[in-house]
Amino acid sequence: MNRLFSSLPTTVFETMSALARETGAVNLGQGFPDDPGPEDVRRAAADAVLNGYNQYPSMLGIPELREGIAAHYAHHHSVTLDPAREVMVTSGATEALAGALFALIEPGDEVVLFQPMYDAYLPLVLRAGGVPKFVTLEPPHWRFTEEALSAAFSDKTRVAIINNPLNPSASVFAREDLALLARFAERSNAVVVSDEVWEHVVFDGARHVSVLNIPGLRDRAVKIGSAGKIFSLTGWKVGFVCAAPDILAALARSHQFLTFTTPPNLQVAVAYGLTKDDRYFREMRDDLQAKRDYLSRGLAEAGFTVLPSAGTYFLNVDIAPLDETDDVAFAQKLVHQAGVVTIPVSAFYAQDHVRTVLRFCFAKRRETLDGALEKLAAFLAKV
């Protein structure tokens, strides 16, 4: 039996979603929208299933999708990519992460992780034989300092993993933060693996800054994207990897022994979707921002202390003003006494846990948000 993975707890997302199913609670925990996604993109996939090619496509991804990814990032993020040598399609962003870490880490290599972190990072680093070094981020700004990086980086550092925008904190790293990270990566000769799946989900007029836009990182970074997040089709599991040719070649050798390839019909549909005009992406952000603002106002009116949300599908509340010090216990209380599922942010830490923050997903229909707010207001009125 695999002792590493058998010793890991069930993911917090599965645990809380199972509670939602068992109790009938409103699920504002796991980050998936409750609408079906853009119809034209779904129709493109259906047409490709019926009338297109359904056998093994190229391991790197169908050419029209790789070309579409390069064109999309050139337009939206001013990143110039060679689609033949610097772009690869994967079966979701998590497979992209796994392939990158397995390709770049040798046993004993140190890996810098910024916590709170997506729950797949640490198990994958450990499976690759990496030695984790943690940088702890704290609310309300969730930023790292030069002192924190100095403590985490060494001459043994080979990889740093960053998530920008950051799930679960709903924060966005500024360009100067990424430039600081670049200086440490160059000093240690490390590769930065940047999980940028939320790149189109940034608010208040902000623009995403990719690691590939940062001097010093263009040739030592891996940019990971997700069609599931771009088009709110989380079950499709179509991811993108972009990196300099020598890095991508190493990642491709890892990818060939993981999933090898990704359903060609979904690739065709994503290639179509990436050509959608700026209006689609603007309206998508505006719709999500309106939902963020609606849930934020409702939570504040109910009595919660709401933290800033600059991106992703999420916003957080600080439960310390409610005299609560255990986010896991309070999340359980909300399920059973209020009928609402949230995610305790301490689940995204490996050590030095922040235990007074709960995460809510606002990428839901208005009636779903209304139902949750009504239950939460009634609960807080009793405590």
Protein backbone atom coordinates (compact mmCIF):
# COMPACT_ATOMS: atom_id res chain seq x y z
CA MET A 1 0.00 0.00 0.00
CA ASN A 2 1.18 3.52 -0.78
CA ARG A 3 1.92 4.87 2.70
CA LEU A 4 2.21 8.51 1.61
CA PHE A 5 -1.20 8.88 0.02
CA SER A 6 -2.99 6.43 2.32
CA SER A 7 -1.96 8.60 5.28
CA LEU A 8 -3.42 11.79 3.80
CA PRO A 9 -6.85 13.00 4.93
CA THR A 10 -9.75 13.24 2.51
CA THR A 11 -9.66 16.61 0.75
CA VAL A 12 -11.58 19.34 2.57
CA PHE A 13 -13.64 19.94 -0.58
CA GLU A 14 -14.91 16.37 -0.68
CA THR A 15 -15.55 16.36 3.07
CA MET A 16 -17.61 19.55 3.04
CA SER A 17 -19.47 18.75 -0.18
CA ALA A 18 -20.40 15.35 1.28
CA LEU A 19 -21.82 17.18 4.29
CA ALA A 20 -23.85 19.38 1.95
CA ARG A 21 -25.31 16.31 0.26
CA GLU A 22 -26.03 14.54 3.55
CA THR A 23 -27.65 17.50 5.29
CA GLY A 24 -29.22 19.37 2.37
CA ALA A 25 -27.24 22.47 3.37
CA VAL A 26 -26.60 25.27 0.86
CA ASN A 27 -23.13 24.58 -0.56
CA LEU A 28 -20.99 27.72 -0.68
CA GLY A 29 -17.92 25.59 -0.08
CA GLN A 30 -16.49 23.92 -3.18
CA GLY A 31 -15.67 26.36 -5.97
CA PHE A 32 -17.91 25.44 -8.86
CA PRO A 33 -20.61 27.59 -10.48
CA ASP A 34 -24.19 26.35 -10.56
CA ASP A 35 -24.83 27.45 -14.15
CA PRO A 36 -24.01 25.25 -17.16
CA GLY A 37 -21.38 27.48 -18.81
CA PRO A 38 -21.46 29.24 -22.19
CA GLU A 39 -23.81 27.43 -24.57
CA ASP A 40 -21.80 28.16 -27.72
CA VAL A 41 -18.69 26.56 -26.25
CA ARG A 42 -20.68 23.52 -25.13
CA ARG A 43 -22.25 23.22 -28.59
CA ALA A 44 -18.79 23.36 -30.15
CA ALA A 45 -17.81 20.37 -27.99
CA ALA A 46 -20.97 18.46 -28.89
CA ASP A 47 -20.39 19.06 -32.59
CA ALA A 48 -16.79 17.89 -32.26
CA VAL A 49 -17.95 14.67 -30.56
CA LEU A 50 -20.43 13.91 -33.32
CA ASN A 51 -18.57 15.17 -36.36
CA GLY A 52 -14.94 15.52 -35.34
CA TYR A 53 -11.93 13.38 -34.55
CA ASN A 54 -12.28 11.17 -31.46
CA GLN A 55 -9.04 9.18 -31.50
CA TYR A 56 -5.75 10.02 -29.80
CA PRO A 57 -4.71 13.58 -30.63
CA SER A 58 -1.17 14.93 -30.42
CA MET A 59 0.43 14.48 -27.01
CA LEU A 60 1.12 18.22 -26.76
CA GLY A 61 -2.44 19.12 -27.77
CA ILE A 62 -4.15 19.74 -31.08
CA PRO A 63 -2.33 22.46 -33.08
CA GLU A 64 -5.35 24.77 -33.28
CA LEU A 65 -5.65 24.84 -29.49
CA ARG A 66 -1.95 25.45 -28.91
CA GLU A 67 -2.07 28.24 -31.46
CA GLY A 68 -5.22 29.56 -29.82
CA ILE A 69 -3.59 29.58 -26.39
CA ALA A 70 -0.60 31.52 -27.72
CA ALA A 71 -2.85 34.04 -29.48
CA HIS A 72 -5.08 34.38 -26.42
CA TYR A 73 -2.21 35.14 -24.07
CA ALA A 74 -0.61 37.52 -26.56
CA HIS A 75 -3.86 39.49 -26.69
CA HIS A 76 -4.91 39.40 -23.05
CA HIS A 77 -1.60 39.30 -21.19
CA SER A 78 1.02 40.53 -23.69
CA VAL A 79 2.92 37.24 -23.48
CA THR A 80 4.62 36.04 -26.67
CA LEU A 81 4.71 32.26 -27.00
CA ASP A 82 5.83 29.80 -29.67
CA PRO A 83 2.81 27.43 -29.89
CA ALA A 84 4.94 24.59 -31.22
CA ARG A 85 7.65 24.71 -28.53
CA GLU A 86 6.25 26.62 -25.54
CA VAL A 87 2.63 25.47 -25.15
CA MET A 88 1.16 22.14 -24.05
CA VAL A 89 -2.39 21.00 -23.30
CA THR A 90 -3.02 18.88 -20.19
CA SER A 91 -5.97 17.10 -18.60
CA GLY A 92 -6.69 19.88 -16.18
CA ALA A 93 -4.48 22.25 -14.21
CA THR A 94 -3.87 19.63 -11.50
CA GLU A 95 -2.34 17.28 -14.04
CA ALA A 96 -0.25 20.19 -15.30
CA LEU A 97 0.96 20.79 -11.75
CA ALA A 98 1.71 17.11 -11.18
CA GLY A 99 3.62 16.80 -14.43
CA ALA A 100 5.62 19.94 -13.74
CA LEU A 101 6.58 18.91 -10.22
CA PHE A 102 7.48 15.35 -11.21
CA ALA A 103 9.63 16.71 -14.03
CA LEU A 104 11.41 19.44 -12.08
CA ILE A 105 11.97 17.94 -8.61
CA GLU A 106 14.61 15.38 -7.68
CA PRO A 107 14.49 13.68 -4.26
CA GLY A 108 15.94 16.05 -1.67
CA ASP A 109 15.31 19.23 -3.65
CA GLU A 110 13.76 22.03 -1.61
CA VAL A 111 10.44 23.49 -2.80
CA VAL A 112 9.05 26.81 -1.58
CA LEU A 113 5.29 26.80 -0.95
CA PHE A 114 3.16 29.81 -0.09
CA GLN A 115 0.42 28.94 2.37
CA PRO A 116 -2.58 29.02 2.32
CA MET A 117 -2.19 26.83 -0.74
CA TYR A 118 -4.31 24.68 -3.01
CA ASP A 119 -4.50 21.29 -1.34
CA ALA A 120 -2.83 19.32 -4.17
CA TYR A 121 0.51 21.13 -3.95
CA LEU A 122 2.02 19.55 -0.86
CA PRO A 123 1.10 15.90 -1.60
CA LEU A 124 2.55 16.25 -5.11
CA VAL A 125 5.75 17.80 -3.82
CA LEU A 126 6.16 15.00 -1.28
CA ARG A 127 5.43 12.31 -3.88
CA ALA A 128 8.16 13.83 -6.09
CA GLY A 129 10.60 13.61 -3.18
CA GLY A 130 10.74 17.34 -2.55
CA VAL A 131 11.43 18.97 0.80
CA PRO A 132 8.79 21.65 1.46
CA LYS A 133 9.74 25.08 2.80
CA PHE A 134 6.76 27.22 3.76
CA VAL A 135 6.11 30.92 3.50
CA THR A 136 3.10 31.78 5.65
CA LEU A 137 0.69 34.47 4.43
CA GLU A 138 -1.77 36.11 6.77
CA PRO A 139 -4.96 38.16 6.42
CA PRO A 140 -6.03 40.71 5.48
CA HIS A 141 -3.39 41.39 2.78
CA TRP A 142 -1.80 37.92 2.35
CA ARG A 143 1.55 39.30 1.13
CA PHE A 144 5.04 37.92 1.57
CA THR A 145 8.12 39.85 2.61
CA GLU A 146 11.78 39.78 1.68
CA GLU A 147 12.53 38.42 5.14
CA ALA A 148 10.09 35.54 4.65
CA LEU A 149 11.62 34.64 1.29
CA SER A 150 15.13 34.81 2.76
CA ALA A 151 14.11 32.25 5.37
CA ALA A 152 12.55 29.90 2.78
CA PHE A 153 15.00 30.02 -0.15
CA SER A 154 18.44 28.40 -0.10
CA ASP A 155 21.00 27.01 -2.51
CA LYS A 156 18.97 23.76 -2.41
CA THR A 157 15.77 25.42 -3.68
CA ARG A 158 14.81 24.08 -7.09
CA VAL A 159 11.12 25.03 -7.38
CA ALA A 160 8.77 27.64 -5.94
CA ILE A 161 5.01 27.23 -6.40
CA ILE A 162 2.80 30.28 -6.48
CA ASN A 163 -0.93 30.68 -7.08
CA ASN A 164 -1.96 34.05 -8.52
CA PRO A 165 -4.77 35.04 -7.98
CA LEU A 166 -4.55 33.04 -4.79
CA ASN A 167 -7.13 30.47 -3.76
CA PRO A 168 -8.32 30.46 -0.98
CA SER A 169 -7.39 33.98 0.11
CA ALA A 170 -8.95 35.69 -2.96
CA SER A 171 -5.92 37.98 -3.09
CA VAL A 172 -3.73 39.02 -6.04
CA PHE A 173 0.04 39.39 -5.95
CA ALA A 174 1.24 42.74 -7.24
CA ARG A 175 3.93 43.09 -9.91
CA GLU A 176 6.47 44.15 -7.27
CA ASP A 177 5.77 40.96 -5.30
CA LEU A 178 6.48 38.85 -8.37
CA ALA A 179 9.65 40.86 -9.09
CA LEU A 180 10.85 40.16 -5.54
CA LEU A 181 10.15 36.46 -6.04
CA ALA A 182 12.09 36.58 -9.32
CA ARG A 183 15.21 37.86 -7.56
CA PHE A 184 15.17 34.94 -5.14
CA ALA A 185 14.47 32.41 -7.90
CA GLU A 186 17.41 33.70 -9.93
CA ARG A 187 19.68 33.65 -6.88
CA SER A 188 18.79 29.99 -6.18
CA ASN A 189 18.54 28.97 -9.85
CA ALA A 190 15.00 27.83 -9.14
CA VAL A 191 11.99 27.43 -11.45
CA VAL A 192 8.76 29.19 -10.48
CA VAL A 193 5.64 27.12 -11.15
CA SER A 194 2.79 29.62 -11.34
CA ASP A 195 -0.77 28.37 -11.02
CA GLU A 196 -2.67 31.13 -12.85
CA VAL A 197 -6.00 29.39 -13.37
CA TRP A 198 -7.89 32.43 -12.03
CA GLU A 199 -6.16 34.82 -14.46
CA HIS A 200 -9.44 36.04 -16.00
CA VAL A 201 -11.25 36.28 -12.66
CA VAL A 202 -9.83 39.54 -11.28
CA PHE A 203 -11.97 42.46 -10.17
CA ASP A 204 -12.20 46.22 -9.78
CA GLY A 205 -10.51 46.98 -13.08
CA ALA A 206 -7.30 45.10 -12.27
CA ARG A 207 -5.32 43.26 -14.96
CA HIS A 208 -3.63 39.94 -14.43
CA VAL A 209 0.18 39.94 -14.41
CA SER A 210 1.72 36.63 -15.44
CA VAL A 211 5.09 35.39 -14.23
CA LEU A 212 6.04 35.27 -17.90
CA ASN A 213 5.75 39.08 -17.93
CA ILE A 214 8.32 39.47 -15.14
CA PRO A 215 11.98 40.11 -16.06
CA GLY A 216 14.06 37.23 -14.81
CA LEU A 217 11.18 34.73 -14.90
CA ARG A 218 10.40 34.38 -18.61
CA ASP A 219 12.93 31.59 -19.01
CA ARG A 220 12.59 30.06 -15.53
CA ALA A 221 8.82 29.91 -15.02
CA VAL A 222 5.95 27.58 -15.81
CA LYS A 223 2.58 29.26 -16.37
CA ILE A 224 -0.47 27.05 -15.83
CA GLY A 225 -3.97 27.97 -17.01
CA SER A 226 -7.39 26.30 -17.02
CA ALA A 227 -10.23 26.33 -19.51
CA GLY A 228 -12.44 25.09 -16.69
CA LYS A 229 -11.98 28.37 -14.84
CA ILE A 230 -12.02 30.59 -17.92
CA PHE A 231 -15.36 29.21 -19.14
CA SER A 232 -16.87 28.03 -15.83
CA LEU A 233 -16.74 24.44 -17.09
CA THR A 234 -14.84 22.94 -14.20
CA GLY A 235 -15.61 19.32 -15.09
CA TRP A 236 -13.94 19.53 -18.49
CA LYS A 237 -10.43 19.35 -17.02
CA VAL A 238 -8.58 21.04 -19.86
CA GLY A 239 -5.40 22.77 -18.71
CA PHE A 240 -2.59 24.72 -20.35
CA VAL A 241 1.14 24.76 -19.68
CA CYS A 242 3.37 27.52 -21.04
CA ALA A 243 7.14 27.61 -20.54
CA ALA A 244 10.44 28.17 -22.30
CA PRO A 245 11.31 25.35 -24.74
CA ASP A 246 13.84 23.54 -22.54
CA ILE A 247 11.46 23.51 -19.57
CA LEU A 248 8.45 22.51 -21.66
CA ALA A 249 10.39 19.61 -23.18
CA ALA A 250 11.01 18.23 -19.68
CA LEU A 251 7.36 18.73 -18.73
CA ALA A 252 6.22 16.95 -21.90
CA ARG A 253 8.26 13.86 -21.00
CA SER A 254 6.46 13.75 -17.66
CA HIS A 255 3.04 14.42 -19.21
CA GLN A 256 3.38 11.49 -21.63
CA PHE A 257 3.33 9.04 -18.71
CA LEU A 258 0.46 10.70 -16.82
CA THR A 259 -2.53 11.30 -19.08
CA PHE A 260 -0.58 11.49 -22.38
CA THR A 261 -3.35 13.53 -23.97
CA THR A 262 -6.73 15.22 -23.46
CA PRO A 263 -10.10 14.58 -25.20
CA PRO A 264 -9.83 16.16 -28.66
CA ASN A 265 -13.48 17.27 -28.79
CA LEU A 266 -13.01 19.36 -25.65
CA GLN A 267 -9.81 20.78 -27.10
CA VAL A 268 -11.68 21.87 -30.22
CA ALA A 269 -14.32 23.59 -28.11
CA VAL A 270 -11.74 25.37 -25.94
CA ALA A 271 -9.89 26.54 -29.05
CA TYR A 272 -13.17 28.06 -30.22
CA GLY A 273 -13.85 29.61 -26.82
CA LEU A 274 -10.48 31.30 -26.61
CA THR A 275 -11.38 33.33 -29.71
CA LYS A 276 -14.37 34.93 -27.96
CA ASP A 277 -14.15 38.70 -27.97
CA ASP A 278 -13.24 40.92 -25.05
CA ARG A 279 -16.90 41.52 -24.27
CA TYR A 280 -17.37 37.94 -23.09
CA PHE A 281 -14.52 38.13 -20.60
CA ARG A 282 -15.56 41.60 -19.41
CA GLU A 283 -19.16 40.50 -18.85
CA MET A 284 -18.01 37.34 -17.09
CA ARG A 285 -15.92 39.39 -14.67
CA ASP A 286 -18.70 41.95 -14.18
CA ASP A 287 -21.20 39.22 -13.38
CA LEU A 288 -18.90 37.58 -10.86
CA GLN A 289 -17.97 40.93 -9.32
CA ALA A 290 -21.66 41.73 -8.86
CA LYS A 291 -22.14 38.39 -7.10
CA ARG A 292 -19.11 39.07 -4.94
CA ASP A 293 -20.49 42.45 -3.93
CA TYR A 294 -23.96 41.02 -3.27
CA LEU A 295 -22.68 38.25 -1.00
CA SER A 296 -20.24 40.61 0.70
CA ARG A 297 -23.00 43.10 1.55
CA GLY A 298 -25.28 40.34 2.77
CA LEU A 299 -22.64 38.79 4.99
CA ALA A 300 -21.71 42.17 6.45
CA GLU A 301 -25.37 42.98 7.14
CA ALA A 302 -25.74 39.60 8.86
CA GLY A 303 -22.86 40.44 11.17
CA PHE A 304 -19.75 38.93 9.59
CA THR A 305 -16.44 40.76 9.14
CA VAL A 306 -15.76 40.40 5.40
CA LEU A 307 -12.19 40.43 4.06
CA PRO A 308 -11.26 41.95 0.67
CA SER A 309 -11.68 39.77 -2.45
CA ALA A 310 -9.58 40.83 -5.45
CA GLY A 311 -10.11 37.71 -7.58
CA THR A 312 -11.28 34.06 -7.82
CA TYR A 313 -14.81 32.79 -7.02
CA PHE A 314 -14.31 33.38 -3.30
CA LEU A 315 -14.46 35.79 -0.42
CA ASN A 316 -13.52 35.24 3.19
CA VAL A 317 -14.81 36.27 6.58
CA ASP A 318 -12.84 36.78 9.77
CA ILE A 319 -14.58 34.95 12.60
CA ALA A 320 -12.36 36.34 15.38
CA PRO A 321 -14.77 39.29 16.00
CA LEU A 322 -17.42 36.64 16.77
CA ASP A 323 -15.10 35.30 19.50
CA GLU A 324 -14.50 32.18 17.41
CA THR A 325 -10.99 30.72 17.32
CA ASP A 326 -11.47 27.41 15.48
CA ASP A 327 -12.60 27.73 11.86
CA VAL A 328 -13.10 23.97 11.48
CA ALA A 329 -15.45 23.80 14.45
CA PHE A 330 -17.29 26.91 13.34
CA ALA A 331 -17.68 25.56 9.79
CA GLN A 332 -19.21 22.39 11.24
CA LYS A 333 -21.53 24.52 13.36
CA LEU A 334 -22.69 26.45 10.28
CA VAL A 335 -23.48 23.19 8.46
CA HIS A 336 -25.53 21.68 11.26
CA GLN A 337 -27.07 24.78 12.84
CA ALA A 338 -27.33 27.24 9.93
CA GLY A 339 -27.56 24.85 6.97
CA VAL A 340 -24.71 26.45 5.02
CA VAL A 341 -21.45 24.82 3.90
CA THR A 342 -18.22 26.86 3.90
CA ILE A 343 -14.53 25.97 3.80
CA PRO A 344 -12.21 26.52 6.81
CA VAL A 345 -9.09 28.23 5.48
CA SER A 346 -6.86 26.48 8.02
CA ALA A 347 -7.25 23.39 5.79
CA PHE A 348 -4.95 25.11 3.27
CA TYR A 349 -2.02 25.33 5.72
CA ALA A 350 0.52 22.66 6.59
CA GLN A 351 1.86 24.50 9.65
CA ASP A 352 1.42 27.82 11.46
CA HIS A 353 -2.27 27.65 10.62
CA VAL A 354 -4.49 30.71 10.45
CA ARG A 355 -7.61 29.45 12.23
CA THR A 356 -10.05 32.36 12.13
CA VAL A 357 -11.01 32.59 8.44
CA LEU A 358 -13.85 30.93 6.51
CA ARG A 359 -14.12 30.86 2.71
CA PHE A 360 -17.40 31.34 0.81
CA CYS A 361 -17.98 30.72 -2.91
CA PHE A 362 -20.10 33.40 -4.59
CA ALA A 363 -20.16 31.90 -8.11
CA LYS A 364 -23.77 30.84 -7.60
CA ARG A 365 -27.25 31.84 -8.72
CA ARG A 366 -28.88 34.71 -6.86
CA GLU A 367 -31.46 32.41 -5.30
CA THR A 368 -28.67 30.20 -3.93
CA LEU A 369 -26.93 33.20 -2.37
CA ASP A 370 -30.24 34.49 -0.99
CA GLY A 371 -30.98 31.15 0.62
CA ALA A 372 -27.57 31.03 2.25
CA LEU A 373 -27.75 34.63 3.48
CA GLU A 374 -31.17 34.11 5.00
CA LYS A 375 -29.94 31.07 6.92
CA LEU A 376 -26.74 32.76 8.07
CA ALA A 377 -28.54 35.90 9.26
CA ALA A 378 -30.97 33.79 11.25
CA PHE A 379 -28.10 31.82 12.78
CA LEU A 380 -26.11 34.88 13.84
CA ALA A 381 -29.22 36.49 15.29
CA LYS A 382 -29.37 33.63 17.79
CA VAL A 383 -25.74 33.67 18.93
